[in-house]
């Protein structure tokens, strides 16, 4: 059906960790959180992901035009803050259905975001 499974979703989120940008110890980054749709745990992962993205964003050099109000850098910051707010709210959400493929889709998007951040910073695969 899909090339990825819930372990790869876990891996997608953990692959964002780079150079001092890590999930907090109390973040339960585990495939079962996604597999069983445990939104409270996923919310913690989402908040941790926002923290990591914020730290990684600091490593990107934006030109003056991109730093202007309403431009690229500000857009990233506001989107990351919104992601963090969603993570906080998820503790109040109902769990999603078991084996919901939406998490595989989200995992793929996280892989893409990680690759774009690596590219923006000039990180090359070895």
PDB file of N, CA and C in Angstrom:
ATOM      1  N   UNK A   1       0.822  -1.185   0.000  1.00  0.00           N
ATOM      2  CA  UNK A   1       0.000   0.000   0.000  1.00  0.00           C
ATOM      3  C   UNK A   1       0.873   1.258   0.000  1.00  0.00           C
ATOM      4  N   UNK A   2       1.635   1.486   1.095  1.00  0.00           N
ATOM      5  CA  UNK A   2       2.556   2.617   1.164  1.00  0.00           C
ATOM      6  C   UNK A   2       3.955   2.069   1.404  1.00  0.00           C
ATOM      7  N   UNK A   3       4.944   2.853   1.034  1.00  0.00           N
ATOM      8  CA  UNK A   3       6.325   2.434   1.268  1.00  0.00           C
ATOM      9  C   UNK A   3       6.743   2.639   2.720  1.00  0.00           C
ATOM     10  N   UNK A   4       5.983   3.415   3.468  1.00  0.00           N
ATOM     11  CA  UNK A   4       6.357   3.738   4.838  1.00  0.00           C
ATOM     12  C   UNK A   4       5.368   3.119   5.818  1.00  0.00           C
ATOM     13  N   UNK A   5       5.816   3.012   7.075  1.00  0.00           N
ATOM     14  CA  UNK A   5       4.939   2.527   8.139  1.00  0.00           C
ATOM     15  C   UNK A   5       5.108   3.467   9.330  1.00  0.00           C
ATOM     16  N   UNK A   6       4.564   3.107  10.473  1.00  0.00           N
ATOM     17  CA  UNK A   6       4.584   4.008  11.622  1.00  0.00           C
ATOM     18  C   UNK A   6       5.970   4.145  12.250  1.00  0.00           C
ATOM     19  N   UNK A   7       6.818   3.146  12.065  1.00  0.00           N
ATOM     20  CA  UNK A   7       8.205   3.270  12.532  1.00  0.00           C
ATOM     21  C   UNK A   7       8.913   4.355  11.717  1.00  0.00           C
ATOM     22  N   UNK A   8       8.608   4.432  10.428  1.00  0.00           N
ATOM     23  CA  UNK A   8       9.234   5.482   9.619  1.00  0.00           C
ATOM     24  C   UNK A   8       8.693   6.864   9.983  1.00  0.00           C
ATOM     25  N   UNK A   9       7.460   6.937  10.493  1.00  0.00           N
ATOM     26  CA  UNK A   9       6.940   8.218  10.980  1.00  0.00           C
ATOM     27  C   UNK A   9       7.756   8.654  12.202  1.00  0.00           C
ATOM     28  N   UNK A  10       7.975   7.717  13.116  1.00  0.00           N
ATOM     29  CA  UNK A  10       8.822   8.001  14.282  1.00  0.00           C
ATOM     30  C   UNK A  10      10.201   8.461  13.824  1.00  0.00           C
ATOM     31  N   UNK A  11      10.764   7.757  12.852  1.00  0.00           N
ATOM     32  CA  UNK A  11      12.092   8.105  12.343  1.00  0.00           C
ATOM     33  C   UNK A  11      12.085   9.495  11.700  1.00  0.00           C
ATOM     34  N   UNK A  12      11.004   9.843  11.003  1.00  0.00           N
ATOM     35  CA  UNK A  12      10.920  11.159  10.365  1.00  0.00           C
ATOM     36  C   UNK A  12      11.067  12.266  11.399  1.00  0.00           C
ATOM     37  N   UNK A  13      10.328  12.132  12.499  1.00  0.00           N
ATOM     38  CA  UNK A  13      10.414  13.150  13.551  1.00  0.00           C
ATOM     39  C   UNK A  13      11.795  13.155  14.204  1.00  0.00           C
ATOM     40  N   UNK A  14      12.357  11.976  14.471  1.00  0.00           N
ATOM     41  CA  UNK A  14      13.674  11.935  15.119  1.00  0.00           C
ATOM     42  C   UNK A  14      14.775  12.428  14.183  1.00  0.00           C
ATOM     43  N   UNK A  15      14.553  12.345  12.861  1.00  0.00           N
ATOM     44  CA  UNK A  15      15.578  12.801  11.910  1.00  0.00           C
ATOM     45  C   UNK A  15      15.737  14.320  11.914  1.00  0.00           C
ATOM     46  N   UNK A  16      14.786  15.036  12.514  1.00  0.00           N
ATOM     47  CA  UNK A  16      14.917  16.495  12.620  1.00  0.00           C
ATOM     48  C   UNK A  16      15.967  16.903  13.643  1.00  0.00           C
ATOM     49  N   UNK A  17      16.330  15.975  14.540  1.00  0.00           N
ATOM     50  CA  UNK A  17      17.302  16.279  15.590  1.00  0.00           C
ATOM     51  C   UNK A  17      18.692  16.433  14.977  1.00  0.00           C
ATOM     52  N   UNK A  18      19.238  17.597  15.160  1.00  0.00           N
ATOM     53  CA  UNK A  18      20.579  17.902  14.646  1.00  0.00           C
ATOM     54  C   UNK A  18      21.270  18.838  15.616  1.00  0.00           C
ATOM     55  N   UNK A  19      22.546  18.710  15.791  1.00  0.00           N
ATOM     56  CA  UNK A  19      23.402  19.693  16.447  1.00  0.00           C
ATOM     57  C   UNK A  19      22.735  20.439  17.606  1.00  0.00           C
ATOM     58  N   UNK A  20      22.429  19.736  18.668  1.00  0.00           N
ATOM     59  CA  UNK A  20      21.863  20.378  19.852  1.00  0.00           C
ATOM     60  C   UNK A  20      20.372  20.640  19.788  1.00  0.00           C
ATOM     61  N   UNK A  21      19.733  20.221  18.727  1.00  0.00           N
ATOM     62  CA  UNK A  21      18.288  20.371  18.584  1.00  0.00           C
ATOM     63  C   UNK A  21      17.663  19.002  18.807  1.00  0.00           C
ATOM     64  N   UNK A  22      17.282  18.745  20.043  1.00  0.00           N
ATOM     65  CA  UNK A  22      16.768  17.418  20.376  1.00  0.00           C
ATOM     66  C   UNK A  22      15.449  17.528  21.125  1.00  0.00           C
ATOM     67  N   UNK A  23      14.688  16.442  21.053  1.00  0.00           N
ATOM     68  CA  UNK A  23      13.448  16.376  21.820  1.00  0.00           C
ATOM     69  C   UNK A  23      13.784  16.300  23.304  1.00  0.00           C
ATOM     70  N   UNK A  24      12.935  16.858  24.127  1.00  0.00           N
ATOM     71  CA  UNK A  24      13.125  16.800  25.574  1.00  0.00           C
ATOM     72  C   UNK A  24      12.991  15.353  26.037  1.00  0.00           C
ATOM     73  N   UNK A  25      13.624  15.040  27.141  1.00  0.00           N
ATOM     74  CA  UNK A  25      13.630  13.669  27.654  1.00  0.00           C
ATOM     75  C   UNK A  25      12.238  13.114  27.879  1.00  0.00           C
ATOM     76  N   UNK A  26      11.278  13.956  28.252  1.00  0.00           N
ATOM     77  CA  UNK A  26       9.939  13.456  28.546  1.00  0.00           C
ATOM     78  C   UNK A  26       9.069  13.290  27.295  1.00  0.00           C
ATOM     79  N   UNK A  27       9.625  13.555  26.121  1.00  0.00           N
ATOM     80  CA  UNK A  27       8.870  13.369  24.882  1.00  0.00           C
ATOM     81  C   UNK A  27       8.935  11.900  24.493  1.00  0.00           C
ATOM     82  N   UNK A  28       7.776  11.278  24.420  1.00  0.00           N
ATOM     83  CA  UNK A  28       7.702   9.847  24.100  1.00  0.00           C
ATOM     84  C   UNK A  28       7.605   9.661  22.598  1.00  0.00           C
ATOM     85  N   UNK A  29       8.744   9.795  21.941  1.00  0.00           N
ATOM     86  CA  UNK A  29       8.807   9.652  20.493  1.00  0.00           C
ATOM     87  C   UNK A  29       8.808   8.170  20.166  1.00  0.00           C
ATOM     88  N   UNK A  30       7.632   7.642  19.837  1.00  0.00           N
ATOM     89  CA  UNK A  30       7.495   6.216  19.607  1.00  0.00           C
ATOM     90  C   UNK A  30       6.441   5.966  18.530  1.00  0.00           C
ATOM     91  N   UNK A  31       6.708   4.984  17.695  1.00  0.00           N
ATOM     92  CA  UNK A  31       5.791   4.659  16.598  1.00  0.00           C
ATOM     93  C   UNK A  31       4.376   4.371  17.087  1.00  0.00           C
ATOM     94  N   UNK A  32       4.229   3.780  18.282  1.00  0.00           N
ATOM     95  CA  UNK A  32       2.891   3.438  18.777  1.00  0.00           C
ATOM     96  C   UNK A  32       2.021   4.669  19.024  1.00  0.00           C
ATOM     97  N   UNK A  33       2.633   5.795  19.337  1.00  0.00           N
ATOM     98  CA  UNK A  33       1.838   7.021  19.510  1.00  0.00           C
ATOM     99  C   UNK A  33       1.092   7.317  18.214  1.00  0.00           C
ATOM    100  N   UNK A  34       1.769   7.141  17.078  1.00  0.00           N
ATOM    101  CA  UNK A  34       1.150   7.378  15.776  1.00  0.00           C
ATOM    102  C   UNK A  34       0.246   6.217  15.376  1.00  0.00           C
ATOM    103  N   UNK A  35       0.723   5.004  15.587  1.00  0.00           N
ATOM    104  CA  UNK A  35      -0.046   3.812  15.204  1.00  0.00           C
ATOM    105  C   UNK A  35      -1.417   3.780  15.881  1.00  0.00           C
ATOM    106  N   UNK A  36      -1.449   4.141  17.170  1.00  0.00           N
ATOM    107  CA  UNK A  36      -2.697   4.081  17.922  1.00  0.00           C
ATOM    108  C   UNK A  36      -3.398   5.432  18.019  1.00  0.00           C
ATOM    109  N   UNK A  37      -2.837   6.452  17.357  1.00  0.00           N
ATOM    110  CA  UNK A  37      -3.488   7.757  17.296  1.00  0.00           C
ATOM    111  C   UNK A  37      -3.635   8.451  18.630  1.00  0.00           C
ATOM    112  N   UNK A  38      -2.644   8.291  19.497  1.00  0.00           N
ATOM    113  CA  UNK A  38      -2.697   8.883  20.840  1.00  0.00           C
ATOM    114  C   UNK A  38      -2.365  10.374  20.751  1.00  0.00           C
ATOM    115  N   UNK A  39      -3.405  11.174  20.601  1.00  0.00           N
ATOM    116  CA  UNK A  39      -3.193  12.588  20.306  1.00  0.00           C
ATOM    117  C   UNK A  39      -2.496  13.342  21.434  1.00  0.00           C
ATOM    118  N   UNK A  40      -2.667  12.930  22.669  1.00  0.00           N
ATOM    119  CA  UNK A  40      -1.969  13.619  23.755  1.00  0.00           C
ATOM    120  C   UNK A  40      -0.457  13.447  23.604  1.00  0.00           C
ATOM    121  N   UNK A  41      -0.012  12.219  23.313  1.00  0.00           N
ATOM    122  CA  UNK A  41       1.421  11.977  23.108  1.00  0.00           C
ATOM    123  C   UNK A  41       1.909  12.652  21.829  1.00  0.00           C
ATOM    124  N   UNK A  42       1.095  12.576  20.786  1.00  0.00           N
ATOM    125  CA  UNK A  42       1.485  13.209  19.519  1.00  0.00           C
ATOM    126  C   UNK A  42       1.594  14.717  19.713  1.00  0.00           C
ATOM    127  N   UNK A  43       0.711  15.286  20.538  1.00  0.00           N
ATOM    128  CA  UNK A  43       0.790  16.712  20.831  1.00  0.00           C
ATOM    129  C   UNK A  43       2.118  17.098  21.461  1.00  0.00           C
ATOM    130  N   UNK A  44       2.619  16.247  22.369  1.00  0.00           N
ATOM    131  CA  UNK A  44       3.937  16.496  22.972  1.00  0.00           C
ATOM    132  C   UNK A  44       5.031  16.439  21.908  1.00  0.00           C
ATOM    133  N   UNK A  45       4.904  15.491  20.992  1.00  0.00           N
ATOM    134  CA  UNK A  45       5.883  15.374  19.904  1.00  0.00           C
ATOM    135  C   UNK A  45       5.815  16.608  19.018  1.00  0.00           C
ATOM    136  N   UNK A  46       4.611  17.075  18.720  1.00  0.00           N
ATOM    137  CA  UNK A  46       4.434  18.256  17.878  1.00  0.00           C
ATOM    138  C   UNK A  46       5.042  19.497  18.549  1.00  0.00           C
ATOM    139  N   UNK A  47       4.828  19.659  19.858  1.00  0.00           N
ATOM    140  CA  UNK A  47       5.442  20.787  20.569  1.00  0.00           C
ATOM    141  C   UNK A  47       6.966  20.691  20.514  1.00  0.00           C
ATOM    142  N   UNK A  48       7.500  19.486  20.726  1.00  0.00           N
ATOM    143  CA  UNK A  48       8.945  19.292  20.637  1.00  0.00           C
ATOM    144  C   UNK A  48       9.470  19.565  19.241  1.00  0.00           C
ATOM    145  N   UNK A  49       8.684  19.193  18.247  1.00  0.00           N
ATOM    146  CA  UNK A  49       9.067  19.445  16.859  1.00  0.00           C
ATOM    147  C   UNK A  49       9.126  20.946  16.586  1.00  0.00           C
ATOM    148  N   UNK A  50       8.173  21.691  17.119  1.00  0.00           N
ATOM    149  CA  UNK A  50       8.191  23.153  16.954  1.00  0.00           C
ATOM    150  C   UNK A  50       9.458  23.736  17.579  1.00  0.00           C
ATOM    151  N   UNK A  51       9.838  23.244  18.748  1.00  0.00           N
ATOM    152  CA  UNK A  51      11.070  23.717  19.401  1.00  0.00           C
ATOM    153  C   UNK A  51      12.287  23.424  18.536  1.00  0.00           C
ATOM    154  N   UNK A  52      12.339  22.218  17.986  1.00  0.00           N
ATOM    155  CA  UNK A  52      13.474  21.836  17.134  1.00  0.00           C
ATOM    156  C   UNK A  52      13.511  22.690  15.869  1.00  0.00           C
ATOM    157  N   UNK A  53      12.357  22.879  15.238  1.00  0.00           N
ATOM    158  CA  UNK A  53      12.312  23.696  14.024  1.00  0.00           C
ATOM    159  C   UNK A  53      12.746  25.133  14.316  1.00  0.00           C
ATOM    160  N   UNK A  54      12.332  25.655  15.450  1.00  0.00           N
ATOM    161  CA  UNK A  54      12.719  27.008  15.839  1.00  0.00           C
ATOM    162  C   UNK A  54      14.241  27.105  15.997  1.00  0.00           C
ATOM    163  N   UNK A  55      14.844  26.134  16.649  1.00  0.00           N
ATOM    164  CA  UNK A  55      16.302  26.136  16.827  1.00  0.00           C
ATOM    165  C   UNK A  55      17.015  25.987  15.480  1.00  0.00           C
ATOM    166  N   UNK A  56      16.501  25.102  14.642  1.00  0.00           N
ATOM    167  CA  UNK A  56      17.157  24.896  13.343  1.00  0.00           C
ATOM    168  C   UNK A  56      16.996  26.110  12.448  1.00  0.00           C
ATOM    169  N   UNK A  57      15.886  26.817  12.589  1.00  0.00           N
ATOM    170  CA  UNK A  57      15.654  28.027  11.796  1.00  0.00           C
ATOM    171  C   UNK A  57      16.711  29.091  12.098  1.00  0.00           C
ATOM    172  N   UNK A  58      17.188  29.117  13.340  1.00  0.00           N
ATOM    173  CA  UNK A  58      18.220  30.088  13.730  1.00  0.00           C
ATOM    174  C   UNK A  58      19.524  29.878  12.955  1.00  0.00           C
ATOM    175  N   UNK A  59      19.732  28.685  12.426  1.00  0.00           N
ATOM    176  CA  UNK A  59      20.962  28.385  11.696  1.00  0.00           C
ATOM    177  C   UNK A  59      20.900  28.773  10.222  1.00  0.00           C
ATOM    178  N   UNK A  60      19.741  29.235   9.793  1.00  0.00           N
ATOM    179  CA  UNK A  60      19.581  29.610   8.389  1.00  0.00           C
ATOM    180  C   UNK A  60      19.846  31.107   8.254  1.00  0.00           C
ATOM    181  N   UNK A  61      20.637  31.457   7.269  1.00  0.00           N
ATOM    182  CA  UNK A  61      20.954  32.862   7.013  1.00  0.00           C
ATOM    183  C   UNK A  61      19.951  33.396   5.989  1.00  0.00           C
ATOM    184  N   UNK A  62      19.177  34.365   6.424  1.00  0.00           N
ATOM    185  CA  UNK A  62      18.198  34.998   5.548  1.00  0.00           C
ATOM    186  C   UNK A  62      18.770  36.307   5.026  1.00  0.00           C
ATOM    187  N   UNK A  63      18.462  36.632   3.766  1.00  0.00           N
ATOM    188  CA  UNK A  63      18.898  37.931   3.266  1.00  0.00           C
ATOM    189  C   UNK A  63      17.941  39.007   3.792  1.00  0.00           C
ATOM    190  N   UNK A  64      18.300  40.250   3.600  1.00  0.00           N
ATOM    191  CA  UNK A  64      17.532  41.371   4.165  1.00  0.00           C
ATOM    192  C   UNK A  64      16.074  41.343   3.724  1.00  0.00           C
ATOM    193  N   UNK A  65      15.836  41.039   2.468  1.00  0.00           N
ATOM    194  CA  UNK A  65      14.468  40.999   1.946  1.00  0.00           C
ATOM    195  C   UNK A  65      13.641  39.944   2.667  1.00  0.00           C
ATOM    196  N   UNK A  66      14.239  38.791   2.953  1.00  0.00           N
ATOM    197  CA  UNK A  66      13.534  37.697   3.629  1.00  0.00           C
ATOM    198  C   UNK A  66      13.280  37.992   5.107  1.00  0.00           C
ATOM    199  N   UNK A  67      14.056  38.917   5.684  1.00  0.00           N
ATOM    200  CA  UNK A  67      13.906  39.272   7.092  1.00  0.00           C
ATOM    201  C   UNK A  67      12.820  40.321   7.328  1.00  0.00           C
ATOM    202  N   UNK A  68      12.381  41.003   6.277  1.00  0.00           N
ATOM    203  CA  UNK A  68      11.386  42.059   6.431  1.00  0.00           C
ATOM    204  C   UNK A  68      10.083  41.507   6.993  1.00  0.00           C
ATOM    205  N   UNK A  69       9.367  42.377   7.673  1.00  0.00           N
ATOM    206  CA  UNK A  69       8.080  42.002   8.257  1.00  0.00           C
ATOM    207  C   UNK A  69       7.159  41.405   7.194  1.00  0.00           C
ATOM    208  N   UNK A  70       6.568  40.277   7.531  1.00  0.00           N
ATOM    209  CA  UNK A  70       5.648  39.618   6.616  1.00  0.00           C
ATOM    210  C   UNK A  70       6.320  38.770   5.549  1.00  0.00           C
ATOM    211  N   UNK A  71       7.623  38.680   5.600  1.00  0.00           N
ATOM    212  CA  UNK A  71       8.343  37.900   4.587  1.00  0.00           C
ATOM    213  C   UNK A  71       8.697  36.518   5.130  1.00  0.00           C
ATOM    214  N   UNK A  72       9.577  35.844   4.458  1.00  0.00           N
ATOM    215  CA  UNK A  72       9.882  34.433   4.687  1.00  0.00           C
ATOM    216  C   UNK A  72      10.257  34.102   6.134  1.00  0.00           C
ATOM    217  N   UNK A  73      11.198  34.819   6.708  1.00  0.00           N
ATOM    218  CA  UNK A  73      11.639  34.509   8.075  1.00  0.00           C
ATOM    219  C   UNK A  73      10.474  34.657   9.065  1.00  0.00           C
ATOM    220  N   UNK A  74       9.720  35.731   8.961  1.00  0.00           N
ATOM    221  CA  UNK A  74       8.588  35.949   9.856  1.00  0.00           C
ATOM    222  C   UNK A  74       7.508  34.890   9.642  1.00  0.00           C
ATOM    223  N   UNK A  75       7.311  34.494   8.416  1.00  0.00           N
ATOM    224  CA  UNK A  75       6.325  33.448   8.108  1.00  0.00           C
ATOM    225  C   UNK A  75       6.704  32.133   8.773  1.00  0.00           C
ATOM    226  N   UNK A  76       7.986  31.778   8.688  1.00  0.00           N
ATOM    227  CA  UNK A  76       8.456  30.563   9.365  1.00  0.00           C
ATOM    228  C   UNK A  76       8.185  30.641  10.868  1.00  0.00           C
ATOM    229  N   UNK A  77       8.547  31.770  11.458  1.00  0.00           N
ATOM    230  CA  UNK A  77       8.377  31.926  12.905  1.00  0.00           C
ATOM    231  C   UNK A  77       6.910  31.793  13.302  1.00  0.00           C
ATOM    232  N   UNK A  78       6.019  32.460  12.573  1.00  0.00           N
ATOM    233  CA  UNK A  78       4.624  32.378  12.953  1.00  0.00           C
ATOM    234  C   UNK A  78       4.043  31.004  12.718  1.00  0.00           C
ATOM    235  N   UNK A  79       4.463  30.323  11.666  1.00  0.00           N
ATOM    236  CA  UNK A  79       3.974  28.961  11.422  1.00  0.00           C
ATOM    237  C   UNK A  79       4.465  27.996  12.500  1.00  0.00           C
ATOM    238  N   UNK A  80       5.690  28.169  12.943  1.00  0.00           N
ATOM    239  CA  UNK A  80       6.233  27.322  14.018  1.00  0.00           C
ATOM    240  C   UNK A  80       5.474  27.567  15.314  1.00  0.00           C
ATOM    241  N   UNK A  81       5.158  28.821  15.613  1.00  0.00           N
ATOM    242  CA  UNK A  81       4.372  29.123  16.813  1.00  0.00           C
ATOM    243  C   UNK A  81       2.977  28.502  16.726  1.00  0.00           C
ATOM    244  N   UNK A  82       2.383  28.545  15.551  1.00  0.00           N
ATOM    245  CA  UNK A  82       1.068  27.921  15.382  1.00  0.00           C
ATOM    246  C   UNK A  82       1.158  26.404  15.577  1.00  0.00           C
ATOM    247  N   UNK A  83       2.221  25.806  15.053  1.00  0.00           N
ATOM    248  CA  UNK A  83       2.433  24.372  15.240  1.00  0.00           C
ATOM    249  C   UNK A  83       2.531  24.039  16.729  1.00  0.00           C
ATOM    250  N   UNK A  84       3.265  24.856  17.474  1.00  0.00           N
ATOM    251  CA  UNK A  84       3.396  24.652  18.917  1.00  0.00           C
ATOM    252  C   UNK A  84       2.022  24.758  19.602  1.00  0.00           C
ATOM    253  N   UNK A  85       1.224  25.743  19.215  1.00  0.00           N
ATOM    254  CA  UNK A  85      -0.118  25.900  19.785  1.00  0.00           C
ATOM    255  C   UNK A  85      -1.009  24.698  19.479  1.00  0.00           C
ATOM    256  N   UNK A  86      -0.912  24.176  18.278  1.00  0.00           N
ATOM    257  CA  UNK A  86      -1.687  22.981  17.920  1.00  0.00           C
ATOM    258  C   UNK A  86      -1.263  21.815  18.804  1.00  0.00           C
ATOM    259  N   UNK A  87       0.056  21.649  19.007  1.00  0.00           N
ATOM    260  CA  UNK A  87       0.555  20.587  19.871  1.00  0.00           C
ATOM    261  C   UNK A  87      -0.012  20.694  21.275  1.00  0.00           C
ATOM    262  N   UNK A  88      -0.103  21.936  21.798  1.00  0.00           N
ATOM    263  CA  UNK A  88      -0.673  22.137  23.134  1.00  0.00           C
ATOM    264  C   UNK A  88      -2.147  21.752  23.162  1.00  0.00           C
ATOM    265  N   UNK A  89      -2.874  22.094  22.127  1.00  0.00           N
ATOM    266  CA  UNK A  89      -4.307  21.806  22.066  1.00  0.00           C
ATOM    267  C   UNK A  89      -4.617  20.323  21.871  1.00  0.00           C
ATOM    268  N   UNK A  90      -3.687  19.577  21.316  1.00  0.00           N
ATOM    269  CA  UNK A  90      -3.957  18.172  20.987  1.00  0.00           C
ATOM    270  C   UNK A  90      -4.297  17.319  22.205  1.00  0.00           C
ATOM    271  N   UNK A  91      -3.888  17.745  23.395  1.00  0.00           N
ATOM    272  CA  UNK A  91      -4.217  16.962  24.585  1.00  0.00           C
ATOM    273  C   UNK A  91      -5.729  16.897  24.792  1.00  0.00           C
ATOM    274  N   UNK A  92      -6.454  17.843  24.209  1.00  0.00           N
ATOM    275  CA  UNK A  92      -7.913  17.877  24.331  1.00  0.00           C
ATOM    276  C   UNK A  92      -8.636  17.204  23.166  1.00  0.00           C
ATOM    277  N   UNK A  93      -7.899  16.747  22.185  1.00  0.00           N
ATOM    278  CA  UNK A  93      -8.505  16.117  21.016  1.00  0.00           C
ATOM    279  C   UNK A  93      -8.823  14.657  21.314  1.00  0.00           C
ATOM    280  N   UNK A  94      -9.788  14.137  20.593  1.00  0.00           N
ATOM    281  CA  UNK A  94     -10.039  12.694  20.658  1.00  0.00           C
ATOM    282  C   UNK A  94      -8.914  11.988  19.912  1.00  0.00           C
ATOM    283  N   UNK A  95      -8.591  10.775  20.359  1.00  0.00           N
ATOM    284  CA  UNK A  95      -7.592   9.990  19.640  1.00  0.00           C
ATOM    285  C   UNK A  95      -8.083   9.726  18.227  1.00  0.00           C
ATOM    286  N   UNK A  96      -7.143   9.624  17.301  1.00  0.00           N
ATOM    287  CA  UNK A  96      -7.512   9.284  15.936  1.00  0.00           C
ATOM    288  C   UNK A  96      -7.664   7.771  15.835  1.00  0.00           C
ATOM    289  N   UNK A  97      -8.186   7.316  14.729  1.00  0.00           N
ATOM    290  CA  UNK A  97      -8.390   5.874  14.584  1.00  0.00           C
ATOM    291  C   UNK A  97      -7.047   5.154  14.479  1.00  0.00           C
ATOM    292  N   UNK A  98      -7.059   3.899  14.877  1.00  0.00           N
ATOM    293  CA  UNK A  98      -5.854   3.074  14.830  1.00  0.00           C
ATOM    294  C   UNK A  98      -5.397   2.924  13.376  1.00  0.00           C
ATOM    295  N   UNK A  99      -4.092   2.992  13.190  1.00  0.00           N
ATOM    296  CA  UNK A  99      -3.462   2.841  11.875  1.00  0.00           C
ATOM    297  C   UNK A  99      -3.942   3.879  10.856  1.00  0.00           C
ATOM    298  N   UNK A 100      -4.247   5.073  11.337  1.00  0.00           N
ATOM    299  CA  UNK A 100      -4.703   6.148  10.455  1.00  0.00           C
ATOM    300  C   UNK A 100      -3.556   6.562   9.530  1.00  0.00           C
ATOM    301  N   UNK A 101      -3.741   6.454   8.211  1.00  0.00           N
ATOM    302  CA  UNK A 101      -2.652   6.778   7.280  1.00  0.00           C
ATOM    303  C   UNK A 101      -2.287   8.257   7.248  1.00  0.00           C
ATOM    304  N   UNK A 102      -3.076   9.108   7.901  1.00  0.00           N
ATOM    305  CA  UNK A 102      -2.727  10.533   7.935  1.00  0.00           C
ATOM    306  C   UNK A 102      -1.360  10.743   8.576  1.00  0.00           C
ATOM    307  N   UNK A 103      -0.998   9.889   9.540  1.00  0.00           N
ATOM    308  CA  UNK A 103       0.298  10.046  10.206  1.00  0.00           C
ATOM    309  C   UNK A 103       1.444   9.666   9.275  1.00  0.00           C
ATOM    310  N   UNK A 104       1.200   8.756   8.342  1.00  0.00           N
ATOM    311  CA  UNK A 104       2.235   8.423   7.349  1.00  0.00           C
ATOM    312  C   UNK A 104       2.444   9.619   6.425  1.00  0.00           C
ATOM    313  N   UNK A 105       1.344  10.251   6.030  1.00  0.00           N
ATOM    314  CA  UNK A 105       1.432  11.462   5.221  1.00  0.00           C
ATOM    315  C   UNK A 105       2.218  12.540   5.963  1.00  0.00           C
ATOM    316  N   UNK A 106       1.890  12.750   7.216  1.00  0.00           N
ATOM    317  CA  UNK A 106       2.589  13.756   8.019  1.00  0.00           C
ATOM    318  C   UNK A 106       4.067  13.389   8.174  1.00  0.00           C
ATOM    319  N   UNK A 107       4.352  12.111   8.375  1.00  0.00           N
ATOM    320  CA  UNK A 107       5.746  11.661   8.449  1.00  0.00           C
ATOM    321  C   UNK A 107       6.512  11.993   7.185  1.00  0.00           C
ATOM    322  N   UNK A 108       5.886  11.774   6.032  1.00  0.00           N
ATOM    323  CA  UNK A 108       6.543  12.115   4.769  1.00  0.00           C
ATOM    324  C   UNK A 108       6.803  13.618   4.674  1.00  0.00           C
ATOM    325  N   UNK A 109       5.849  14.422   5.114  1.00  0.00           N
ATOM    326  CA  UNK A 109       6.042  15.877   5.106  1.00  0.00           C
ATOM    327  C   UNK A 109       7.178  16.290   6.041  1.00  0.00           C
ATOM    328  N   UNK A 110       7.293  15.615   7.178  1.00  0.00           N
ATOM    329  CA  UNK A 110       8.384  15.917   8.114  1.00  0.00           C
ATOM    330  C   UNK A 110       9.727  15.560   7.485  1.00  0.00           C
ATOM    331  N   UNK A 111       9.804  14.432   6.774  1.00  0.00           N
ATOM    332  CA  UNK A 111      11.043  14.084   6.059  1.00  0.00           C
ATOM    333  C   UNK A 111      11.411  15.188   5.069  1.00  0.00           C
ATOM    334  N   UNK A 112      10.412  15.693   4.341  1.00  0.00           N
ATOM    335  CA  UNK A 112      10.659  16.741   3.345  1.00  0.00           C
ATOM    336  C   UNK A 112      11.137  18.014   4.025  1.00  0.00           C
ATOM    337  N   UNK A 113      10.499  18.401   5.117  1.00  0.00           N
ATOM    338  CA  UNK A 113      10.903  19.603   5.852  1.00  0.00           C
ATOM    339  C   UNK A 113      12.337  19.463   6.341  1.00  0.00           C
ATOM    340  N   UNK A 114      12.679  18.308   6.887  1.00  0.00           N
ATOM    341  CA  UNK A 114      14.046  18.063   7.353  1.00  0.00           C
ATOM    342  C   UNK A 114      15.053  18.195   6.231  1.00  0.00           C
ATOM    343  N   UNK A 115      14.732  17.635   5.078  1.00  0.00           N
ATOM    344  CA  UNK A 115      15.639  17.710   3.928  1.00  0.00           C
ATOM    345  C   UNK A 115      15.798  19.156   3.454  1.00  0.00           C
ATOM    346  N   UNK A 116      14.710  19.911   3.453  1.00  0.00           N
ATOM    347  CA  UNK A 116      14.792  21.312   3.053  1.00  0.00           C
ATOM    348  C   UNK A 116      15.630  22.127   4.039  1.00  0.00           C
ATOM    349  N   UNK A 117      15.473  21.847   5.330  1.00  0.00           N
ATOM    350  CA  UNK A 117      16.291  22.538   6.331  1.00  0.00           C
ATOM    351  C   UNK A 117      17.766  22.188   6.160  1.00  0.00           C
ATOM    352  N   UNK A 118      18.044  20.917   5.908  1.00  0.00           N
ATOM    353  CA  UNK A 118      19.429  20.516   5.664  1.00  0.00           C
ATOM    354  C   UNK A 118      19.992  21.234   4.448  1.00  0.00           C
ATOM    355  N   UNK A 119      19.197  21.308   3.400  1.00  0.00           N
ATOM    356  CA  UNK A 119      19.640  21.978   2.174  1.00  0.00           C
ATOM    357  C   UNK A 119      19.865  23.477   2.420  1.00  0.00           C
ATOM    358  N   UNK A 120      18.943  24.101   3.140  1.00  0.00           N
ATOM    359  CA  UNK A 120      19.060  25.538   3.412  1.00  0.00           C
ATOM    360  C   UNK A 120      20.307  25.868   4.206  1.00  0.00           C
ATOM    361  N   UNK A 121      20.698  24.952   5.058  1.00  0.00           N
ATOM    362  CA  UNK A 121      21.902  25.178   5.871  1.00  0.00           C
ATOM    363  C   UNK A 121      23.153  24.681   5.162  1.00  0.00           C
ATOM    364  N   UNK A 122      22.976  23.964   4.053  1.00  0.00           N
ATOM    365  CA  UNK A 122      24.113  23.477   3.302  1.00  0.00           C
ATOM    366  C   UNK A 122      24.653  22.152   3.799  1.00  0.00           C
ATOM    367  N   UNK A 123      23.832  21.368   4.503  1.00  0.00           N
ATOM    368  CA  UNK A 123      24.253  20.057   4.986  1.00  0.00           C
ATOM    369  C   UNK A 123      24.186  19.086   3.816  1.00  0.00           C
ATOM    370  N   UNK A 124      25.289  18.395   3.583  1.00  0.00           N
ATOM    371  CA  UNK A 124      25.344  17.434   2.484  1.00  0.00           C
ATOM    372  C   UNK A 124      25.364  16.024   3.045  1.00  0.00           C
ATOM    373  N   UNK A 125      24.738  15.101   2.296  1.00  0.00           N
ATOM    374  CA  UNK A 125      24.812  13.693   2.696  1.00  0.00           C
ATOM    375  C   UNK A 125      26.221  13.204   2.479  1.00  0.00           C
ATOM    376  N   UNK A 126      26.670  12.356   3.371  1.00  0.00           N
ATOM    377  CA  UNK A 126      28.036  11.831   3.254  1.00  0.00           C
ATOM    378  C   UNK A 126      28.005  10.413   2.811  1.00  0.00           C
TER     379      UNK A 126
END
